Amino acid sequence: MFNFLKSLKDKVGEKAAQAFLRNKVKRYGEMINLKIDSQGKSISAIFLLKGEDAQTAIEIAGYTLSEENGKLYIQIEKLNSSKEWITLLAEDFLSGKKIEIPANIKNTIQMLL
């Protein structure tokens, strides 16, 4: 029963995250798929980026959520991609950085992740 509820929670989280992220990535391409494993603290996504013939896979292998002064932040521990340059870009610009979660989805993210 617990696994069923965990799976259901992740599915709801995936749908909410897809709805939010589709608009954010529209300029760069299309999100094909998104999977969340809240227990394993991992997120994987597949994109079809503009100007690319092949899909691009991205996996976040570990993340932490923290709250400071009423704001929610996510910190990505490790990001891997099927495109080496994206992995390197993430290492340069995301490593050790806290990214603020928009206030309008803060409660949903806290509940789901």
PDB file of N, CA and C in Angstrom:
ATOM      1  N   MET A   1       0.824  -1.199   0.000  1.00  0.00           N
ATOM      2  CA  MET A   1       0.000   0.000   0.000  1.00  0.00           C
ATOM      3  C   MET A   1       0.863   1.256   0.000  1.00  0.00           C
ATOM      4  N   PHE A   2       1.939   1.235   0.813  1.00  0.00           N
ATOM      5  CA  PHE A   2       2.823   2.397   0.897  1.00  0.00           C
ATOM      6  C   PHE A   2       3.460   2.703  -0.454  1.00  0.00           C
ATOM      7  N   ASN A   3       3.920   1.658  -1.156  1.00  0.00           N
ATOM      8  CA  ASN A   3       4.522   1.867  -2.477  1.00  0.00           C
ATOM      9  C   ASN A   3       3.515   2.448  -3.462  1.00  0.00           C
ATOM     10  N   PHE A   4       2.279   2.009  -3.377  1.00  0.00           N
ATOM     11  CA  PHE A   4       1.233   2.541  -4.248  1.00  0.00           C
ATOM     12  C   PHE A   4       1.040   4.031  -3.996  1.00  0.00           C
ATOM     13  N   LEU A   5       0.980   4.430  -2.726  1.00  0.00           N
ATOM     14  CA  LEU A   5       0.804   5.849  -2.387  1.00  0.00           C
ATOM     15  C   LEU A   5       2.010   6.671  -2.818  1.00  0.00           C
ATOM     16  N   LYS A   6       3.204   6.120  -2.649  1.00  0.00           N
ATOM     17  CA  LYS A   6       4.426   6.814  -3.066  1.00  0.00           C
ATOM     18  C   LYS A   6       4.425   6.997  -4.576  1.00  0.00           C
ATOM     19  N   SER A   7       4.038   5.956  -5.290  1.00  0.00           N
ATOM     20  CA  SER A   7       3.972   6.024  -6.751  1.00  0.00           C
ATOM     21  C   SER A   7       2.926   7.040  -7.199  1.00  0.00           C
ATOM     22  N   LEU A   8       1.784   7.048  -6.529  1.00  0.00           N
ATOM     23  CA  LEU A   8       0.728   8.001  -6.855  1.00  0.00           C
ATOM     24  C   LEU A   8       1.197   9.432  -6.603  1.00  0.00           C
ATOM     25  N   LYS A   9       1.886   9.644  -5.486  1.00  0.00           N
ATOM     26  CA  LYS A   9       2.435  10.964  -5.156  1.00  0.00           C
ATOM     27  C   LYS A   9       3.409  11.425  -6.242  1.00  0.00           C
ATOM     28  N   ASP A  10       4.279  10.531  -6.686  1.00  0.00           N
ATOM     29  CA  ASP A  10       5.244  10.877  -7.734  1.00  0.00           C
ATOM     30  C   ASP A  10       4.542  11.191  -9.052  1.00  0.00           C
ATOM     31  N   LYS A  11       3.493  10.432  -9.389  1.00  0.00           N
ATOM     32  CA  LYS A  11       2.746  10.686 -10.633  1.00  0.00           C
ATOM     33  C   LYS A  11       2.080  12.057 -10.597  1.00  0.00           C
ATOM     34  N   VAL A  12       1.483  12.411  -9.463  1.00  0.00           N
ATOM     35  CA  VAL A  12       0.862  13.734  -9.320  1.00  0.00           C
ATOM     36  C   VAL A  12       1.938  14.811  -9.421  1.00  0.00           C
ATOM     37  N   GLY A  13       3.083  14.566  -8.787  1.00  0.00           N
ATOM     38  CA  GLY A  13       4.199  15.512  -8.859  1.00  0.00           C
ATOM     39  C   GLY A  13       4.707  15.691 -10.273  1.00  0.00           C
ATOM     40  N   GLU A  14       4.774  14.600 -11.007  1.00  0.00           N
ATOM     41  CA  GLU A  14       5.216  14.669 -12.400  1.00  0.00           C
ATOM     42  C   GLU A  14       4.286  15.541 -13.228  1.00  0.00           C
ATOM     43  N   LYS A  15       2.989  15.353 -13.055  1.00  0.00           N
ATOM     44  CA  LYS A  15       2.013  16.146 -13.823  1.00  0.00           C
ATOM     45  C   LYS A  15       2.109  17.627 -13.468  1.00  0.00           C
ATOM     46  N   ALA A  16       2.251  17.939 -12.183  1.00  0.00           N
ATOM     47  CA  ALA A  16       2.366  19.342 -11.757  1.00  0.00           C
ATOM     48  C   ALA A  16       3.658  19.960 -12.291  1.00  0.00           C
ATOM     49  N   ALA A  17       4.754  19.220 -12.195  1.00  0.00           N
ATOM     50  CA  ALA A  17       6.040  19.727 -12.677  1.00  0.00           C
ATOM     51  C   ALA A  17       6.029  19.892 -14.193  1.00  0.00           C
ATOM     52  N   GLN A  18       5.426  18.950 -14.908  1.00  0.00           N
ATOM     53  CA  GLN A  18       5.333  19.062 -16.366  1.00  0.00           C
ATOM     54  C   GLN A  18       4.563  20.306 -16.767  1.00  0.00           C
ATOM     55  N   ALA A  19       3.452  20.554 -16.100  1.00  0.00           N
ATOM     56  CA  ALA A  19       2.643  21.733 -16.426  1.00  0.00           C
ATOM     57  C   ALA A  19       3.444  23.013 -16.217  1.00  0.00           C
ATOM     58  N   PHE A  20       4.217  23.068 -15.147  1.00  0.00           N
ATOM     59  CA  PHE A  20       5.019  24.255 -14.857  1.00  0.00           C
ATOM     60  C   PHE A  20       6.205  24.374 -15.820  1.00  0.00           C
ATOM     61  N   LEU A  21       6.913  23.266 -16.040  1.00  0.00           N
ATOM     62  CA  LEU A  21       8.151  23.315 -16.824  1.00  0.00           C
ATOM     63  C   LEU A  21       7.924  23.436 -18.326  1.00  0.00           C
ATOM     64  N   ARG A  22       6.829  22.934 -18.827  1.00  0.00           N
ATOM     65  CA  ARG A  22       6.570  23.028 -20.274  1.00  0.00           C
ATOM     66  C   ARG A  22       6.661  24.474 -20.752  1.00  0.00           C
ATOM     67  N   ASN A  23       6.078  25.383 -20.008  1.00  0.00           N
ATOM     68  CA  ASN A  23       6.157  26.803 -20.367  1.00  0.00           C
ATOM     69  C   ASN A  23       7.577  27.337 -20.268  1.00  0.00           C
ATOM     70  N   LYS A  24       8.314  26.872 -19.262  1.00  0.00           N
ATOM     71  CA  LYS A  24       9.675  27.367 -19.030  1.00  0.00           C
ATOM     72  C   LYS A  24      10.644  26.926 -20.123  1.00  0.00           C
ATOM     73  N   VAL A  25      10.428  25.753 -20.703  1.00  0.00           N
ATOM     74  CA  VAL A  25      11.369  25.233 -21.699  1.00  0.00           C
ATOM     75  C   VAL A  25      10.893  25.430 -23.132  1.00  0.00           C
ATOM     76  N   LYS A  26       9.699  25.954 -23.297  1.00  0.00           N
ATOM     77  CA  LYS A  26       9.105  26.111 -24.635  1.00  0.00           C
ATOM     78  C   LYS A  26      10.041  26.840 -25.602  1.00  0.00           C
ATOM     79  N   ARG A  27      10.748  27.834 -25.127  1.00  0.00           N
ATOM     80  CA  ARG A  27      11.657  28.605 -25.973  1.00  0.00           C
ATOM     81  C   ARG A  27      12.806  27.745 -26.524  1.00  0.00           C
ATOM     82  N   TYR A  28      13.184  26.719 -25.764  1.00  0.00           N
ATOM     83  CA  TYR A  28      14.339  25.896 -26.120  1.00  0.00           C
ATOM     84  C   TYR A  28      13.956  24.590 -26.801  1.00  0.00           C
ATOM     85  N   GLY A  29      12.698  24.208 -26.669  1.00  0.00           N
ATOM     86  CA  GLY A  29      12.258  22.948 -27.244  1.00  0.00           C
ATOM     87  C   GLY A  29      11.054  22.420 -26.501  1.00  0.00           C
ATOM     88  N   GLU A  30      10.916  21.103 -26.505  1.00  0.00           N
ATOM     89  CA  GLU A  30       9.734  20.464 -25.931  1.00  0.00           C
ATOM     90  C   GLU A  30      10.140  19.394 -24.922  1.00  0.00           C
ATOM     91  N   MET A  31       9.442  19.367 -23.790  1.00  0.00           N
ATOM     92  CA  MET A  31       9.649  18.299 -22.826  1.00  0.00           C
ATOM     93  C   MET A  31       8.806  17.111 -23.267  1.00  0.00           C
ATOM     94  N   ILE A  32       9.456  15.974 -23.471  1.00  0.00           N
ATOM     95  CA  ILE A  32       8.779  14.767 -23.928  1.00  0.00           C
ATOM     96  C   ILE A  32       8.276  13.946 -22.740  1.00  0.00           C
ATOM     97  N   ASN A  33       9.093  13.857 -21.703  1.00  0.00           N
ATOM     98  CA  ASN A  33       8.761  12.994 -20.576  1.00  0.00           C
ATOM     99  C   ASN A  33       9.436  13.513 -19.310  1.00  0.00           C
ATOM    100  N   LEU A  34       8.822  13.241 -18.166  1.00  0.00           N
ATOM    101  CA  LEU A  34       9.383  13.620 -16.868  1.00  0.00           C
ATOM    102  C   LEU A  34       9.029  12.535 -15.866  1.00  0.00           C
ATOM    103  N   LYS A  35      10.013  12.069 -15.127  1.00  0.00           N
ATOM    104  CA  LYS A  35       9.811  11.055 -14.087  1.00  0.00           C
ATOM    105  C   LYS A  35      10.426  11.569 -12.792  1.00  0.00           C
ATOM    106  N   ILE A  36       9.678  11.425 -11.705  1.00  0.00           N
ATOM    107  CA  ILE A  36      10.152  11.832 -10.385  1.00  0.00           C
ATOM    108  C   ILE A  36      10.168  10.610  -9.481  1.00  0.00           C
ATOM    109  N   ASP A  37      11.274  10.426  -8.766  1.00  0.00           N
ATOM    110  CA  ASP A  37      11.379   9.410  -7.719  1.00  0.00           C
ATOM    111  C   ASP A  37      11.687  10.161  -6.431  1.00  0.00           C
ATOM    112  N   SER A  38      10.640  10.531  -5.692  1.00  0.00           N
ATOM    113  CA  SER A  38      10.837  11.348  -4.495  1.00  0.00           C
ATOM    114  C   SER A  38      11.593  10.590  -3.408  1.00  0.00           C
ATOM    115  N   GLN A  39      11.422   9.289  -3.346  1.00  0.00           N
ATOM    116  CA  GLN A  39      12.133   8.502  -2.343  1.00  0.00           C
ATOM    117  C   GLN A  39      13.628   8.450  -2.665  1.00  0.00           C
ATOM    118  N   GLY A  40      13.967   8.260  -3.933  1.00  0.00           N
ATOM    119  CA  GLY A  40      15.362   8.215  -4.354  1.00  0.00           C
ATOM    120  C   GLY A  40      15.956   9.584  -4.630  1.00  0.00           C
ATOM    121  N   LYS A  41      15.139  10.637  -4.490  1.00  0.00           N
ATOM    122  CA  LYS A  41      15.572  12.023  -4.725  1.00  0.00           C
ATOM    123  C   LYS A  41      16.190  12.177  -6.114  1.00  0.00           C
ATOM    124  N   SER A  42      15.494  11.628  -7.119  1.00  0.00           N
ATOM    125  CA  SER A  42      15.984  11.761  -8.489  1.00  0.00           C
ATOM    126  C   SER A  42      14.854  12.205  -9.412  1.00  0.00           C
ATOM    127  N   ILE A  43      15.255  12.904 -10.465  1.00  0.00           N
ATOM    128  CA  ILE A  43      14.322  13.386 -11.479  1.00  0.00           C
ATOM    129  C   ILE A  43      14.967  13.122 -12.834  1.00  0.00           C
ATOM    130  N   SER A  44      14.215  12.544 -13.757  1.00  0.00           N
ATOM    131  CA  SER A  44      14.741  12.357 -15.110  1.00  0.00           C
ATOM    132  C   SER A  44      13.749  12.946 -16.101  1.00  0.00           C
ATOM    133  N   ALA A  45      14.306  13.502 -17.166  1.00  0.00           N
ATOM    134  CA  ALA A  45      13.468  14.142 -18.179  1.00  0.00           C
ATOM    135  C   ALA A  45      14.069  13.900 -19.556  1.00  0.00           C
ATOM    136  N   ILE A  46      13.203  13.908 -20.551  1.00  0.00           N
ATOM    137  CA  ILE A  46      13.636  13.804 -21.944  1.00  0.00           C
ATOM    138  C   ILE A  46      13.079  15.011 -22.681  1.00  0.00           C
ATOM    139  N   PHE A  47      13.961  15.657 -23.438  1.00  0.00           N
ATOM    140  CA  PHE A  47      13.604  16.857 -24.187  1.00  0.00           C
ATOM    141  C   PHE A  47      13.937  16.661 -25.655  1.00  0.00           C
ATOM    142  N   LEU A  48      13.188  17.340 -26.509  1.00  0.00           N
ATOM    143  CA  LEU A  48      13.562  17.486 -27.907  1.00  0.00           C
ATOM    144  C   LEU A  48      13.867  18.968 -28.075  1.00  0.00           C
ATOM    145  N   LEU A  49      15.162  19.279 -28.127  1.00  0.00           N
ATOM    146  CA  LEU A  49      15.602  20.669 -28.176  1.00  0.00           C
ATOM    147  C   LEU A  49      15.606  21.188 -29.605  1.00  0.00           C
ATOM    148  N   LYS A  50      15.323  22.454 -29.751  1.00  0.00           N
ATOM    149  CA  LYS A  50      15.307  23.075 -31.083  1.00  0.00           C
ATOM    150  C   LYS A  50      16.683  22.929 -31.729  1.00  0.00           C
ATOM    151  N   GLY A  51      16.679  22.593 -33.011  1.00  0.00           N
ATOM    152  CA  GLY A  51      17.922  22.439 -33.753  1.00  0.00           C
ATOM    153  C   GLY A  51      18.580  21.082 -33.575  1.00  0.00           C
ATOM    154  N   GLU A  52      17.996  20.216 -32.756  1.00  0.00           N
ATOM    155  CA  GLU A  52      18.550  18.886 -32.505  1.00  0.00           C
ATOM    156  C   GLU A  52      17.671  17.834 -33.168  1.00  0.00           C
ATOM    157  N   ASP A  53      18.304  16.810 -33.719  1.00  0.00           N
ATOM    158  CA  ASP A  53      17.557  15.703 -34.317  1.00  0.00           C
ATOM    159  C   ASP A  53      17.209  14.631 -33.285  1.00  0.00           C
ATOM    160  N   ALA A  54      18.088  14.478 -32.305  1.00  0.00           N
ATOM    161  CA  ALA A  54      17.903  13.434 -31.293  1.00  0.00           C
ATOM    162  C   ALA A  54      17.392  14.035 -29.984  1.00  0.00           C
ATOM    163  N   GLN A  55      16.699  13.209 -29.229  1.00  0.00           N
ATOM    164  CA  GLN A  55      16.228  13.638 -27.915  1.00  0.00           C
ATOM    165  C   GLN A  55      17.402  13.770 -26.949  1.00  0.00           C
ATOM    166  N   THR A  56      17.235  14.611 -25.951  1.00  0.00           N
ATOM    167  CA  THR A  56      18.245  14.835 -24.926  1.00  0.00           C
ATOM    168  C   THR A  56      17.695  14.354 -23.589  1.00  0.00           C
ATOM    169  N   ALA A  57      18.439  13.464 -22.944  1.00  0.00           N
ATOM    170  CA  ALA A  57      18.046  12.962 -21.626  1.00  0.00           C
ATOM    171  C   ALA A  57      18.804  13.731 -20.552  1.00  0.00           C
ATOM    172  N   ILE A  58      18.092  14.082 -19.495  1.00  0.00           N
ATOM    173  CA  ILE A  58      18.700  14.765 -18.355  1.00  0.00           C
ATOM    174  C   ILE A  58      18.262  14.036 -17.098  1.00  0.00           C
ATOM    175  N   GLU A  59      19.221  13.764 -16.221  1.00  0.00           N
ATOM    176  CA  GLU A  59      18.903  13.120 -14.952  1.00  0.00           C
ATOM    177  C   GLU A  59      19.500  13.915 -13.808  1.00  0.00           C
ATOM    178  N   ILE A  60      18.658  14.235 -12.857  1.00  0.00           N
ATOM    179  CA  ILE A  60      19.110  14.858 -11.616  1.00  0.00           C
ATOM    180  C   ILE A  60      19.234  13.723 -10.615  1.00  0.00           C
ATOM    181  N   ALA A  61      20.463  13.456 -10.205  1.00  0.00           N
ATOM    182  CA  ALA A  61      20.738  12.356  -9.285  1.00  0.00           C
ATOM    183  C   ALA A  61      21.004  12.943  -7.902  1.00  0.00           C
ATOM    184  N   GLY A  62      19.948  13.286  -7.228  1.00  0.00           N
ATOM    185  CA  GLY A  62      20.048  13.846  -5.886  1.00  0.00           C
ATOM    186  C   GLY A  62      19.730  15.322  -5.861  1.00  0.00           C
ATOM    187  N   TYR A  63      18.880  15.688  -4.935  1.00  0.00           N
ATOM    188  CA  TYR A  63      18.538  17.092  -4.727  1.00  0.00           C
ATOM    189  C   TYR A  63      18.136  17.281  -3.274  1.00  0.00           C
ATOM    190  N   THR A  64      18.249  18.505  -2.799  1.00  0.00           N
ATOM    191  CA  THR A  64      17.780  18.837  -1.458  1.00  0.00           C
ATOM    192  C   THR A  64      16.887  20.062  -1.545  1.00  0.00           C
ATOM    193  N   LEU A  65      15.871  20.074  -0.705  1.00  0.00           N
ATOM    194  CA  LEU A  65      14.991  21.226  -0.579  1.00  0.00           C
ATOM    195  C   LEU A  65      15.295  21.903   0.749  1.00  0.00           C
ATOM    196  N   SER A  66      15.318  23.226   0.740  1.00  0.00           N
ATOM    197  CA  SER A  66      15.525  23.973   1.979  1.00  0.00           C
ATOM    198  C   SER A  66      14.649  25.215   1.962  1.00  0.00           C
ATOM    199  N   GLU A  67      14.294  25.666   3.147  1.00  0.00           N
ATOM    200  CA  GLU A  67      13.458  26.853   3.265  1.00  0.00           C
ATOM    201  C   GLU A  67      14.206  27.896   4.086  1.00  0.00           C
ATOM    202  N   GLU A  68      14.248  29.110   3.555  1.00  0.00           N
ATOM    203  CA  GLU A  68      14.903  30.229   4.233  1.00  0.00           C
ATOM    204  C   GLU A  68      14.035  31.465   4.077  1.00  0.00           C
ATOM    205  N   ASN A  69      13.732  32.101   5.188  1.00  0.00           N
ATOM    206  CA  ASN A  69      12.933  33.329   5.175  1.00  0.00           C
ATOM    207  C   ASN A  69      11.635  33.171   4.383  1.00  0.00           C
ATOM    208  N   GLY A  70      10.994  32.017   4.524  1.00  0.00           N
ATOM    209  CA  GLY A  70       9.720  31.782   3.856  1.00  0.00           C
ATOM    210  C   GLY A  70       9.828  31.424   2.387  1.00  0.00           C
ATOM    211  N   LYS A  71      11.048  31.321   1.870  1.00  0.00           N
ATOM    212  CA  LYS A  71      11.252  30.955   0.462  1.00  0.00           C
ATOM    213  C   LYS A  71      11.793  29.533   0.387  1.00  0.00           C
ATOM    214  N   LEU A  72      11.360  28.805  -0.638  1.00  0.00           N
ATOM    215  CA  LEU A  72      11.787  27.427  -0.839  1.00  0.00           C
ATOM    216  C   LEU A  72      12.850  27.376  -1.933  1.00  0.00           C
ATOM    217  N   TYR A  73      13.896  26.589  -1.675  1.00  0.00           N
ATOM    218  CA  TYR A  73      14.998  26.443  -2.621  1.00  0.00           C
ATOM    219  C   TYR A  73      15.242  24.965  -2.898  1.00  0.00           C
ATOM    220  N   ILE A  74      15.702  24.689  -4.119  1.00  0.00           N
ATOM    221  CA  ILE A  74      16.163  23.350  -4.474  1.00  0.00           C
ATOM    222  C   ILE A  74      17.638  23.472  -4.834  1.00  0.00           C
ATOM    223  N   GLN A  75      18.408  22.511  -4.361  1.00  0.00           N
ATOM    224  CA  GLN A  75      19.824  22.452  -4.707  1.00  0.00           C
ATOM    225  C   GLN A  75      20.075  21.096  -5.359  1.00  0.00           C
ATOM    226  N   ILE A  76      20.574  21.142  -6.581  1.00  0.00           N
ATOM    227  CA  ILE A  76      20.831  19.928  -7.355  1.00  0.00           C
ATOM    228  C   ILE A  76      22.214  19.413  -6.998  1.00  0.00           C
ATOM    229  N   GLU A  77      22.266  18.148  -6.596  1.00  0.00           N
ATOM    230  CA  GLU A  77      23.544  17.558  -6.211  1.00  0.00           C
ATOM    231  C   GLU A  77      24.350  17.118  -7.425  1.00  0.00           C
ATOM    232  N   LYS A  78      23.692  16.479  -8.381  1.00  0.00           N
ATOM    233  CA  LYS A  78      24.389  16.003  -9.580  1.00  0.00           C
ATOM    234  C   LYS A  78      23.417  15.975 -10.740  1.00  0.00           C
ATOM    235  N   LEU A  79      23.824  16.545 -11.867  1.00  0.00           N
ATOM    236  CA  LEU A  79      23.017  16.520 -13.083  1.00  0.00           C
ATOM    237  C   LEU A  79      23.837  15.871 -14.181  1.00  0.00           C
ATOM    238  N   ASN A  80      23.270  14.864 -14.802  1.00  0.00           N
ATOM    239  CA  ASN A  80      23.896  14.193 -15.939  1.00  0.00           C
ATOM    240  C   ASN A  80      22.993  14.349 -17.149  1.00  0.00           C
ATOM    241  N   SER A  81      23.613  14.406 -18.326  1.00  0.00           N
ATOM    242  CA  SER A  81      22.859  14.552 -19.559  1.00  0.00           C
ATOM    243  C   SER A  81      23.452  13.662 -20.637  1.00  0.00           C
ATOM    244  N   SER A  82      22.626  13.332 -21.611  1.00  0.00           N
ATOM    245  CA  SER A  82      23.119  12.581 -22.760  1.00  0.00           C
ATOM    246  C   SER A  82      24.002  13.463 -23.642  1.00  0.00           C
ATOM    247  N   LYS A  83      23.976  14.747 -23.399  1.00  0.00           N
ATOM    248  CA  LYS A  83      24.850  15.694 -24.111  1.00  0.00           C
ATOM    249  C   LYS A  83      25.901  16.194 -23.121  1.00  0.00           C
ATOM    250  N   GLU A  84      27.161  15.895 -23.410  1.00  0.00           N
ATOM    251  CA  GLU A  84      28.237  16.241 -22.483  1.00  0.00           C
ATOM    252  C   GLU A  84      28.269  17.731 -22.160  1.00  0.00           C
ATOM    253  N   TRP A  85      28.013  18.583 -23.154  1.00  0.00           N
ATOM    254  CA  TRP A  85      28.104  20.019 -22.916  1.00  0.00           C
ATOM    255  C   TRP A  85      27.051  20.489 -21.912  1.00  0.00           C
ATOM    256  N   ILE A  86      25.899  19.829 -21.862  1.00  0.00           N
ATOM    257  CA  ILE A  86      24.871  20.195 -20.881  1.00  0.00           C
ATOM    258  C   ILE A  86      25.327  19.785 -19.479  1.00  0.00           C
ATOM    259  N   THR A  87      25.922  18.613 -19.358  1.00  0.00           N
ATOM    260  CA  THR A  87      26.461  18.180 -18.068  1.00  0.00           C
ATOM    261  C   THR A  87      27.519  19.159 -17.580  1.00  0.00           C
ATOM    262  N   LEU A  88      28.419  19.567 -18.470  1.00  0.00           N
ATOM    263  CA  LEU A  88      29.476  20.514 -18.094  1.00  0.00           C
ATOM    264  C   LEU A  88      28.901  21.878 -17.723  1.00  0.00           C
ATOM    265  N   LEU A  89      27.918  22.332 -18.464  1.00  0.00           N
ATOM    266  CA  LEU A  89      27.257  23.605 -18.168  1.00  0.00           C
ATOM    267  C   LEU A  89      26.603  23.553 -16.786  1.00  0.00           C
ATOM    268  N   ALA A  90      25.953  22.444 -16.486  1.00  0.00           N
ATOM    269  CA  ALA A  90      25.321  22.279 -15.171  1.00  0.00           C
ATOM    270  C   ALA A  90      26.363  22.292 -14.059  1.00  0.00           C
ATOM    271  N   GLU A  91      27.505  21.624 -14.284  1.00  0.00           N
ATOM    272  CA  GLU A  91      28.573  21.638 -13.282  1.00  0.00           C
ATOM    273  C   GLU A  91      29.063  23.057 -13.033  1.00  0.00           C
ATOM    274  N   ASP A  92      29.193  23.841 -14.096  1.00  0.00           N
ATOM    275  CA  ASP A  92      29.703  25.209 -13.971  1.00  0.00           C
ATOM    276  C   ASP A  92      28.702  26.165 -13.334  1.00  0.00           C
ATOM    277  N   PHE A  93      27.415  26.012 -13.646  1.00  0.00           N
ATOM    278  CA  PHE A  93      26.438  27.023 -13.234  1.00  0.00           C
ATOM    279  C   PHE A  93      25.433  26.566 -12.174  1.00  0.00           C
ATOM    280  N   LEU A  94      25.307  25.269 -11.934  1.00  0.00           N
ATOM    281  CA  LEU A  94      24.340  24.798 -10.942  1.00  0.00           C
ATOM    282  C   LEU A  94      24.979  24.197  -9.697  1.00  0.00           C
ATOM    283  N   SER A  95      26.219  23.761  -9.816  1.00  0.00           N
ATOM    284  CA  SER A  95      26.884  23.094  -8.707  1.00  0.00           C
ATOM    285  C   SER A  95      26.941  23.995  -7.474  1.00  0.00           C
ATOM    286  N   GLY A  96      26.336  23.528  -6.393  1.00  0.00           N
ATOM    287  CA  GLY A  96      26.357  24.271  -5.137  1.00  0.00           C
ATOM    288  C   GLY A  96      25.401  25.449  -5.061  1.00  0.00           C
ATOM    289  N   LYS A  97      24.623  25.669  -6.097  1.00  0.00           N
ATOM    290  CA  LYS A  97      23.711  26.826  -6.140  1.00  0.00           C
ATOM    291  C   LYS A  97      22.312  26.422  -5.677  1.00  0.00           C
ATOM    292  N   LYS A  98      21.688  27.330  -4.938  1.00  0.00           N
ATOM    293  CA  LYS A  98      20.293  27.140  -4.547  1.00  0.00           C
ATOM    294  C   LYS A  98      19.424  27.887  -5.546  1.00  0.00           C
ATOM    295  N   ILE A  99      18.409  27.214  -6.047  1.00  0.00           N
ATOM    296  CA  ILE A  99      17.494  27.798  -7.026  1.00  0.00           C
ATOM    297  C   ILE A  99      16.155  28.014  -6.327  1.00  0.00           C
ATOM    298  N   GLU A 100      15.672  29.248  -6.358  1.00  0.00           N
ATOM    299  CA  GLU A 100      14.413  29.553  -5.682  1.00  0.00           C
ATOM    300  C   GLU A 100      13.231  28.960  -6.447  1.00  0.00           C
ATOM    301  N   ILE A 101      12.361  28.306  -5.710  1.00  0.00           N
ATOM    302  CA  ILE A 101      11.119  27.769  -6.262  1.00  0.00           C
ATOM    303  C   ILE A 101      10.092  28.898  -6.243  1.00  0.00           C
ATOM    304  N   PRO A 102       9.416  29.163  -7.353  1.00  0.00           N
ATOM    305  CA  PRO A 102       8.417  30.243  -7.372  1.00  0.00           C
ATOM    306  C   PRO A 102       7.355  30.053  -6.282  1.00  0.00           C
ATOM    307  N   ALA A 103       6.947  31.153  -5.684  1.00  0.00           N
ATOM    308  CA  ALA A 103       5.994  31.126  -4.567  1.00  0.00           C
ATOM    309  C   ALA A 103       4.683  30.438  -4.934  1.00  0.00           C
ATOM    310  N   ASN A 104       4.250  30.582  -6.192  1.00  0.00           N
ATOM    311  CA  ASN A 104       2.951  30.013  -6.580  1.00  0.00           C
ATOM    312  C   ASN A 104       2.940  28.485  -6.640  1.00  0.00           C
ATOM    313  N   ILE A 105       4.107  27.831  -6.633  1.00  0.00           N
ATOM    314  CA  ILE A 105       4.133  26.365  -6.621  1.00  0.00           C
ATOM    315  C   ILE A 105       4.875  25.812  -5.405  1.00  0.00           C
ATOM    316  N   LYS A 106       5.274  26.689  -4.500  1.00  0.00           N
ATOM    317  CA  LYS A 106       6.045  26.289  -3.318  1.00  0.00           C
ATOM    318  C   LYS A 106       5.364  25.173  -2.531  1.00  0.00           C
ATOM    319  N   ASN A 107       4.106  25.360  -2.166  1.00  0.00           N
ATOM    320  CA  ASN A 107       3.400  24.371  -1.344  1.00  0.00           C
ATOM    321  C   ASN A 107       3.254  23.038  -2.055  1.00  0.00           C
ATOM    322  N   THR A 108       2.987  23.078  -3.339  1.00  0.00           N
ATOM    323  CA  THR A 108       2.853  21.842  -4.115  1.00  0.00           C
ATOM    324  C   THR A 108       4.173  21.085  -4.144  1.00  0.00           C
ATOM    325  N   ILE A 109       5.264  21.794  -4.386  1.00  0.00           N
ATOM    326  CA  ILE A 109       6.587  21.163  -4.436  1.00  0.00           C
ATOM    327  C   ILE A 109       6.948  20.560  -3.085  1.00  0.00           C
ATOM    328  N   GLN A 110       6.703  21.292  -1.999  1.00  0.00           N
ATOM    329  CA  GLN A 110       7.011  20.770  -0.667  1.00  0.00           C
ATOM    330  C   GLN A 110       6.241  19.482  -0.391  1.00  0.00           C
ATOM    331  N   MET A 111       5.003  19.438  -0.804  1.00  0.00           N
ATOM    332  CA  MET A 111       4.173  18.268  -0.559  1.00  0.00           C
ATOM    333  C   MET A 111       4.619  17.073  -1.409  1.00  0.00           C
ATOM    334  N   LEU A 112       5.056  17.352  -2.635  1.00  0.00           N
ATOM    335  CA  LEU A 112       5.326  16.270  -3.576  1.00  0.00           C
ATOM    336  C   LEU A 112       6.756  15.768  -3.580  1.00  0.00           C
ATOM    337  N   LEU A 113       7.718  16.645  -3.314  1.00  0.00           N
ATOM    338  CA  LEU A 113       9.104  16.208  -3.355  1.00  0.00           C
ATOM    339  C   LEU A 113       9.600  15.916  -1.953  1.00  0.00           C
TER     340      LEU A 113
END
